[in-house]
Amino acid sequence: MSDGKMSGDLMNLSDVLNMPQMKGVTRYVIGVGSDILDKTEAIEEMTQIADPDKYYKVSSYAALNDIQSSLEQSLIDDAGTEIVFVLDGSGSIEHDDFQRAKDFIYKVMFSVWKTCFNASINLSIL
């Protein structure tokens, strides 16, 4: 889940995506805000990270609920796997939006957990 372009990472994105540890990993990406929706470079980066049909985009953190049921169904269809959310906590996101993102993750995971009782749930905030 991101509101902009990767920065400060020492590794090249394509190197990361081609690491052996990434084999068999289904990657969902949620692009949030105008930095994603209006910039070709950011969209290309997000779609490079996401697996086909796993890229979601919303206009703001307040609009995350617009994709909630679609994301939940996709995760439920991939049941039996570990689920990890990575949320950019570097300070580029406002406090209220950060809370909205955390609330969204909680709601999605609670729904998925209820449906797929055995799912592993991890939340990483960078």
N, C-alpha and C. Protein backbone atom coordinates (compact mmCIF):
# COMPACT_ATOMS: atom_id res chain seq x y z
N MET A 1 0.87 -1.16 0.00
CA MET A 1 0.00 0.00 0.00
C MET A 1 0.91 1.21 0.00
N SER A 2 0.75 2.07 -1.00
CA SER A 2 1.67 3.19 -1.14
C SER A 2 0.96 4.42 -1.68
N ASP A 3 1.52 5.56 -1.32
CA ASP A 3 1.00 6.82 -1.85
C ASP A 3 2.02 7.50 -2.76
N GLY A 4 3.02 6.75 -3.21
CA GLY A 4 4.02 7.36 -4.09
C GLY A 4 5.11 6.41 -4.52
N LYS A 5 6.14 6.96 -5.11
CA LYS A 5 7.26 6.22 -5.68
C LYS A 5 8.22 5.75 -4.59
N MET A 6 8.80 4.59 -4.81
CA MET A 6 9.81 4.05 -3.90
C MET A 6 11.00 5.00 -3.82
N SER A 7 11.50 5.21 -2.63
CA SER A 7 12.71 6.02 -2.50
C SER A 7 13.51 5.54 -1.30
N GLY A 8 14.79 5.75 -1.36
CA GLY A 8 15.65 5.40 -0.24
C GLY A 8 16.01 3.93 -0.15
N ASP A 9 15.53 3.12 -1.07
CA ASP A 9 15.84 1.70 -1.04
C ASP A 9 17.14 1.48 -1.80
N LEU A 10 18.05 0.73 -1.23
CA LEU A 10 19.34 0.48 -1.85
C LEU A 10 19.26 -0.54 -2.98
N MET A 11 18.19 -1.34 -3.01
CA MET A 11 18.06 -2.38 -4.03
C MET A 11 17.17 -1.90 -5.17
N ASN A 12 17.50 -2.33 -6.36
CA ASN A 12 16.71 -2.07 -7.55
C ASN A 12 15.43 -2.91 -7.48
N LEU A 13 14.29 -2.32 -7.88
CA LEU A 13 13.01 -3.02 -7.80
C LEU A 13 13.01 -4.32 -8.58
N SER A 14 13.51 -4.32 -9.80
CA SER A 14 13.49 -5.56 -10.58
C SER A 14 14.37 -6.63 -9.94
N ASP A 15 15.48 -6.24 -9.28
CA ASP A 15 16.30 -7.21 -8.57
C ASP A 15 15.51 -7.85 -7.42
N VAL A 16 14.77 -7.02 -6.69
CA VAL A 16 13.96 -7.52 -5.58
C VAL A 16 12.91 -8.49 -6.09
N LEU A 17 12.20 -8.09 -7.16
CA LEU A 17 11.12 -8.92 -7.69
C LEU A 17 11.62 -10.25 -8.25
N ASN A 18 12.90 -10.30 -8.65
CA ASN A 18 13.47 -11.52 -9.22
C ASN A 18 14.23 -12.37 -8.20
N MET A 19 14.20 -11.98 -6.95
CA MET A 19 14.87 -12.77 -5.91
C MET A 19 14.19 -14.13 -5.76
N PRO A 20 14.96 -15.16 -5.43
CA PRO A 20 14.35 -16.49 -5.24
C PRO A 20 13.23 -16.49 -4.19
N GLN A 21 13.34 -15.64 -3.16
CA GLN A 21 12.33 -15.59 -2.12
C GLN A 21 10.98 -15.09 -2.63
N MET A 22 10.97 -14.43 -3.78
CA MET A 22 9.73 -13.89 -4.34
C MET A 22 8.99 -14.91 -5.19
N LYS A 23 9.63 -16.03 -5.48
CA LYS A 23 8.98 -17.07 -6.29
C LYS A 23 7.77 -17.62 -5.53
N GLY A 24 6.66 -17.71 -6.19
CA GLY A 24 5.44 -18.24 -5.57
C GLY A 24 4.69 -17.25 -4.71
N VAL A 25 5.16 -16.00 -4.64
CA VAL A 25 4.50 -14.97 -3.85
C VAL A 25 3.51 -14.23 -4.74
N THR A 26 2.25 -14.16 -4.32
CA THR A 26 1.26 -13.37 -5.02
C THR A 26 1.30 -11.97 -4.44
N ARG A 27 1.52 -10.98 -5.30
CA ARG A 27 1.69 -9.60 -4.83
C ARG A 27 0.49 -8.75 -5.24
N TYR A 28 -0.17 -8.20 -4.24
CA TYR A 28 -1.24 -7.24 -4.43
C TYR A 28 -0.66 -5.86 -4.17
N VAL A 29 -1.10 -4.87 -4.90
CA VAL A 29 -0.64 -3.51 -4.68
C VAL A 29 -1.86 -2.59 -4.65
N ILE A 30 -1.86 -1.69 -3.67
CA ILE A 30 -2.90 -0.67 -3.58
C ILE A 30 -2.22 0.68 -3.72
N GLY A 31 -2.49 1.37 -4.81
CA GLY A 31 -1.99 2.72 -5.03
C GLY A 31 -3.01 3.71 -4.52
N VAL A 32 -2.54 4.67 -3.73
CA VAL A 32 -3.45 5.61 -3.09
C VAL A 32 -3.07 7.05 -3.43
N GLY A 33 -4.02 7.81 -3.95
CA GLY A 33 -3.85 9.24 -4.13
C GLY A 33 -3.37 9.65 -5.51
N SER A 34 -3.31 10.95 -5.70
CA SER A 34 -2.99 11.51 -7.01
C SER A 34 -1.55 11.23 -7.44
N ASP A 35 -0.63 11.03 -6.48
CA ASP A 35 0.74 10.69 -6.87
C ASP A 35 0.79 9.35 -7.61
N ILE A 36 -0.18 8.50 -7.38
CA ILE A 36 -0.28 7.23 -8.08
C ILE A 36 -1.15 7.38 -9.32
N LEU A 37 -2.31 7.96 -9.15
CA LEU A 37 -3.30 7.99 -10.21
C LEU A 37 -2.93 8.90 -11.37
N ASP A 38 -2.10 9.91 -11.13
CA ASP A 38 -1.81 10.91 -12.15
C ASP A 38 -0.41 10.82 -12.75
N LYS A 39 0.42 9.89 -12.30
CA LYS A 39 1.80 9.83 -12.76
C LYS A 39 2.10 8.48 -13.40
N THR A 40 2.41 8.53 -14.68
CA THR A 40 2.67 7.32 -15.45
C THR A 40 3.77 6.47 -14.82
N GLU A 41 4.84 7.11 -14.36
CA GLU A 41 5.97 6.38 -13.77
C GLU A 41 5.54 5.61 -12.53
N ALA A 42 4.72 6.24 -11.69
CA ALA A 42 4.25 5.59 -10.47
C ALA A 42 3.32 4.42 -10.81
N ILE A 43 2.45 4.60 -11.80
CA ILE A 43 1.55 3.52 -12.21
C ILE A 43 2.36 2.35 -12.75
N GLU A 44 3.38 2.64 -13.56
CA GLU A 44 4.23 1.57 -14.10
C GLU A 44 4.93 0.80 -12.99
N GLU A 45 5.41 1.53 -11.98
CA GLU A 45 6.08 0.86 -10.86
C GLU A 45 5.10 -0.02 -10.09
N MET A 46 3.93 0.50 -9.83
CA MET A 46 2.92 -0.27 -9.09
C MET A 46 2.50 -1.53 -9.86
N THR A 47 2.28 -1.38 -11.17
CA THR A 47 1.86 -2.55 -11.96
C THR A 47 3.01 -3.54 -12.14
N GLN A 48 4.25 -3.07 -12.07
CA GLN A 48 5.40 -3.97 -12.13
C GLN A 48 5.46 -4.81 -10.85
N ILE A 49 5.15 -4.20 -9.73
CA ILE A 49 5.18 -4.91 -8.45
C ILE A 49 4.03 -5.91 -8.35
N ALA A 50 2.84 -5.49 -8.78
CA ALA A 50 1.64 -6.33 -8.62
C ALA A 50 1.61 -7.47 -9.63
N ASP A 51 1.03 -8.57 -9.21
CA ASP A 51 0.73 -9.64 -10.15
C ASP A 51 -0.43 -9.18 -11.03
N PRO A 52 -0.61 -9.82 -12.20
CA PRO A 52 -1.72 -9.42 -13.07
C PRO A 52 -3.06 -9.43 -12.34
N ASP A 53 -3.84 -8.41 -12.56
CA ASP A 53 -5.16 -8.25 -11.93
C ASP A 53 -5.11 -8.12 -10.41
N LYS A 54 -3.96 -7.74 -9.87
CA LYS A 54 -3.82 -7.58 -8.42
C LYS A 54 -3.47 -6.14 -8.04
N TYR A 55 -3.65 -5.21 -8.98
CA TYR A 55 -3.36 -3.79 -8.73
C TYR A 55 -4.67 -3.06 -8.50
N TYR A 56 -4.77 -2.44 -7.35
CA TYR A 56 -5.94 -1.64 -6.99
C TYR A 56 -5.50 -0.19 -6.86
N LYS A 57 -6.39 0.72 -7.15
CA LYS A 57 -6.07 2.14 -6.98
C LYS A 57 -7.29 2.88 -6.48
N VAL A 58 -7.03 3.81 -5.58
CA VAL A 58 -8.08 4.65 -5.02
C VAL A 58 -7.58 6.08 -4.95
N SER A 59 -8.50 7.01 -4.94
CA SER A 59 -8.15 8.43 -4.98
C SER A 59 -7.61 8.95 -3.65
N SER A 60 -7.95 8.29 -2.54
CA SER A 60 -7.49 8.74 -1.23
C SER A 60 -7.60 7.60 -0.22
N TYR A 61 -6.99 7.78 0.93
CA TYR A 61 -7.11 6.76 1.97
C TYR A 61 -8.55 6.64 2.45
N ALA A 62 -9.30 7.73 2.39
CA ALA A 62 -10.71 7.68 2.77
C ALA A 62 -11.51 6.80 1.81
N ALA A 63 -11.02 6.60 0.60
CA ALA A 63 -11.72 5.81 -0.42
C ALA A 63 -11.33 4.33 -0.40
N LEU A 64 -10.51 3.90 0.56
CA LEU A 64 -10.09 2.50 0.60
C LEU A 64 -11.28 1.54 0.68
N ASN A 65 -12.34 1.96 1.35
CA ASN A 65 -13.51 1.09 1.48
C ASN A 65 -14.11 0.73 0.13
N ASP A 66 -13.85 1.54 -0.90
CA ASP A 66 -14.39 1.28 -2.23
C ASP A 66 -13.86 -0.03 -2.82
N ILE A 67 -12.69 -0.46 -2.40
CA ILE A 67 -12.09 -1.69 -2.95
C ILE A 67 -12.12 -2.84 -1.95
N GLN A 68 -12.63 -2.61 -0.77
CA GLN A 68 -12.54 -3.60 0.30
C GLN A 68 -13.13 -4.95 -0.09
N SER A 69 -14.36 -4.98 -0.57
CA SER A 69 -14.97 -6.29 -0.84
C SER A 69 -14.26 -7.02 -1.98
N SER A 70 -13.81 -6.30 -2.99
CA SER A 70 -13.09 -6.92 -4.09
C SER A 70 -11.77 -7.52 -3.62
N LEU A 71 -11.03 -6.78 -2.80
CA LEU A 71 -9.76 -7.28 -2.26
C LEU A 71 -10.01 -8.48 -1.35
N GLU A 72 -11.00 -8.39 -0.49
CA GLU A 72 -11.31 -9.51 0.41
C GLU A 72 -11.62 -10.78 -0.39
N GLN A 73 -12.43 -10.65 -1.42
CA GLN A 73 -12.79 -11.83 -2.20
C GLN A 73 -11.56 -12.43 -2.88
N SER A 74 -10.70 -11.58 -3.39
CA SER A 74 -9.48 -12.07 -4.03
C SER A 74 -8.59 -12.80 -3.03
N LEU A 75 -8.46 -12.25 -1.83
CA LEU A 75 -7.65 -12.90 -0.79
C LEU A 75 -8.28 -14.21 -0.34
N ILE A 76 -9.60 -14.23 -0.24
CA ILE A 76 -10.30 -15.45 0.16
C ILE A 76 -10.12 -16.53 -0.90
N ASP A 77 -10.16 -16.13 -2.16
CA ASP A 77 -9.95 -17.09 -3.24
C ASP A 77 -8.54 -17.68 -3.20
N ASP A 78 -7.58 -16.94 -2.63
CA ASP A 78 -6.20 -17.42 -2.48
C ASP A 78 -5.98 -18.00 -1.07
N ALA A 79 -7.04 -18.50 -0.46
CA ALA A 79 -6.99 -18.96 0.93
C ALA A 79 -5.91 -20.01 1.14
N GLY A 80 -5.41 -20.08 2.37
CA GLY A 80 -4.39 -21.04 2.73
C GLY A 80 -2.99 -20.49 2.63
N THR A 81 -2.86 -19.24 2.23
CA THR A 81 -1.55 -18.63 2.12
C THR A 81 -1.34 -17.64 3.26
N GLU A 82 -0.11 -17.27 3.48
CA GLU A 82 0.18 -16.21 4.45
C GLU A 82 -0.12 -14.88 3.80
N ILE A 83 -0.62 -13.95 4.59
CA ILE A 83 -0.96 -12.62 4.09
C ILE A 83 -0.15 -11.60 4.88
N VAL A 84 0.57 -10.75 4.16
CA VAL A 84 1.38 -9.71 4.79
C VAL A 84 1.01 -8.38 4.14
N PHE A 85 0.68 -7.39 4.93
CA PHE A 85 0.47 -6.04 4.43
C PHE A 85 1.71 -5.22 4.76
N VAL A 86 2.20 -4.48 3.79
CA VAL A 86 3.30 -3.56 4.02
C VAL A 86 2.75 -2.16 3.78
N LEU A 87 2.79 -1.35 4.81
CA LEU A 87 2.25 0.00 4.77
C LEU A 87 3.38 0.99 4.99
N ASP A 88 3.53 1.92 4.07
CA ASP A 88 4.59 2.93 4.17
C ASP A 88 4.32 3.83 5.37
N GLY A 89 5.15 3.73 6.36
CA GLY A 89 5.03 4.56 7.55
C GLY A 89 6.18 5.54 7.68
N SER A 90 6.74 5.95 6.55
CA SER A 90 7.95 6.77 6.55
C SER A 90 7.71 8.23 6.88
N GLY A 91 6.47 8.61 7.05
CA GLY A 91 6.17 10.01 7.33
C GLY A 91 5.59 10.74 6.15
N SER A 92 5.52 10.07 5.00
CA SER A 92 4.94 10.71 3.82
C SER A 92 3.42 10.67 3.86
N ILE A 93 2.87 9.98 4.82
CA ILE A 93 1.43 9.85 4.96
C ILE A 93 0.98 10.59 6.22
N GLU A 94 -0.10 11.34 6.09
CA GLU A 94 -0.65 12.09 7.23
C GLU A 94 -1.17 11.12 8.28
N HIS A 95 -1.17 11.58 9.53
CA HIS A 95 -1.59 10.73 10.65
C HIS A 95 -3.00 10.16 10.44
N ASP A 96 -3.96 10.97 10.04
CA ASP A 96 -5.33 10.49 9.84
C ASP A 96 -5.39 9.44 8.72
N ASP A 97 -4.62 9.66 7.64
CA ASP A 97 -4.60 8.70 6.55
C ASP A 97 -3.92 7.41 6.98
N PHE A 98 -2.88 7.51 7.79
CA PHE A 98 -2.20 6.33 8.31
C PHE A 98 -3.18 5.50 9.13
N GLN A 99 -3.98 6.17 9.94
CA GLN A 99 -4.99 5.47 10.75
C GLN A 99 -6.05 4.84 9.86
N ARG A 100 -6.47 5.55 8.81
CA ARG A 100 -7.45 4.98 7.86
C ARG A 100 -6.89 3.72 7.22
N ALA A 101 -5.61 3.75 6.84
CA ALA A 101 -4.98 2.58 6.23
C ALA A 101 -4.94 1.42 7.22
N LYS A 102 -4.56 1.68 8.46
CA LYS A 102 -4.54 0.62 9.47
C LYS A 102 -5.94 0.06 9.71
N ASP A 103 -6.93 0.92 9.77
CA ASP A 103 -8.31 0.47 9.96
C ASP A 103 -8.77 -0.40 8.79
N PHE A 104 -8.40 0.01 7.57
CA PHE A 104 -8.74 -0.76 6.38
C PHE A 104 -8.11 -2.16 6.44
N ILE A 105 -6.84 -2.22 6.78
CA ILE A 105 -6.15 -3.50 6.90
C ILE A 105 -6.85 -4.38 7.94
N TYR A 106 -7.19 -3.80 9.06
CA TYR A 106 -7.89 -4.55 10.11
C TYR A 106 -9.21 -5.12 9.59
N LYS A 107 -10.01 -4.28 8.93
CA LYS A 107 -11.32 -4.73 8.43
C LYS A 107 -11.17 -5.84 7.39
N VAL A 108 -10.23 -5.67 6.47
CA VAL A 108 -10.01 -6.69 5.45
C VAL A 108 -9.58 -8.00 6.12
N MET A 109 -8.60 -7.94 6.99
CA MET A 109 -8.08 -9.15 7.60
C MET A 109 -9.10 -9.81 8.52
N PHE A 110 -9.92 -9.02 9.21
CA PHE A 110 -10.95 -9.60 10.06
C PHE A 110 -11.95 -10.38 9.21
N SER A 111 -12.34 -9.80 8.09
CA SER A 111 -13.28 -10.47 7.19
C SER A 111 -12.67 -11.75 6.59
N VAL A 112 -11.42 -11.65 6.15
CA VAL A 112 -10.75 -12.82 5.59
C VAL A 112 -10.58 -13.89 6.66
N TRP A 113 -10.18 -13.48 7.85
CA TRP A 113 -9.99 -14.43 8.95
C TRP A 113 -11.28 -15.16 9.26
N LYS A 114 -12.40 -14.44 9.31
CA LYS A 114 -13.69 -15.08 9.58
C LYS A 114 -14.00 -16.13 8.52
N THR A 115 -13.68 -15.83 7.28
CA THR A 115 -13.99 -16.74 6.19
C THR A 115 -12.98 -17.88 6.10
N CYS A 116 -11.73 -17.58 6.31
CA CYS A 116 -10.64 -18.57 6.17
C CYS A 116 -9.94 -18.69 7.51
N PHE A 117 -10.55 -19.31 8.46
CA PHE A 117 -10.10 -19.32 9.84
C PHE A 117 -8.63 -19.61 10.01
N ASN A 118 -8.00 -20.34 9.13
CA ASN A 118 -6.61 -20.76 9.31
C ASN A 118 -5.59 -19.84 8.68
N ALA A 119 -5.98 -18.65 8.20
CA ALA A 119 -5.02 -17.75 7.55
C ALA A 119 -4.03 -17.20 8.57
N SER A 120 -2.77 -17.07 8.16
CA SER A 120 -1.77 -16.38 8.98
C SER A 120 -1.87 -14.89 8.67
N ILE A 121 -1.83 -14.05 9.68
CA ILE A 121 -1.96 -12.61 9.48
C ILE A 121 -0.72 -11.92 10.02
N ASN A 122 -0.06 -11.12 9.17
CA ASN A 122 1.11 -10.33 9.57
C ASN A 122 0.90 -8.91 9.10
N LEU A 123 1.32 -7.94 9.89
CA LEU A 123 1.26 -6.53 9.51
C LEU A 123 2.62 -5.95 9.72
N SER A 124 3.22 -5.41 8.65
CA SER A 124 4.51 -4.78 8.74
C SER A 124 4.34 -3.30 8.46
N ILE A 125 4.80 -2.45 9.34
CA ILE A 125 4.77 -1.01 9.14
C ILE A 125 6.20 -0.55 9.07
N LEU A 126 6.56 0.00 7.91
CA LEU A 126 7.95 0.42 7.69
C LEU A 126 8.11 1.88 7.99
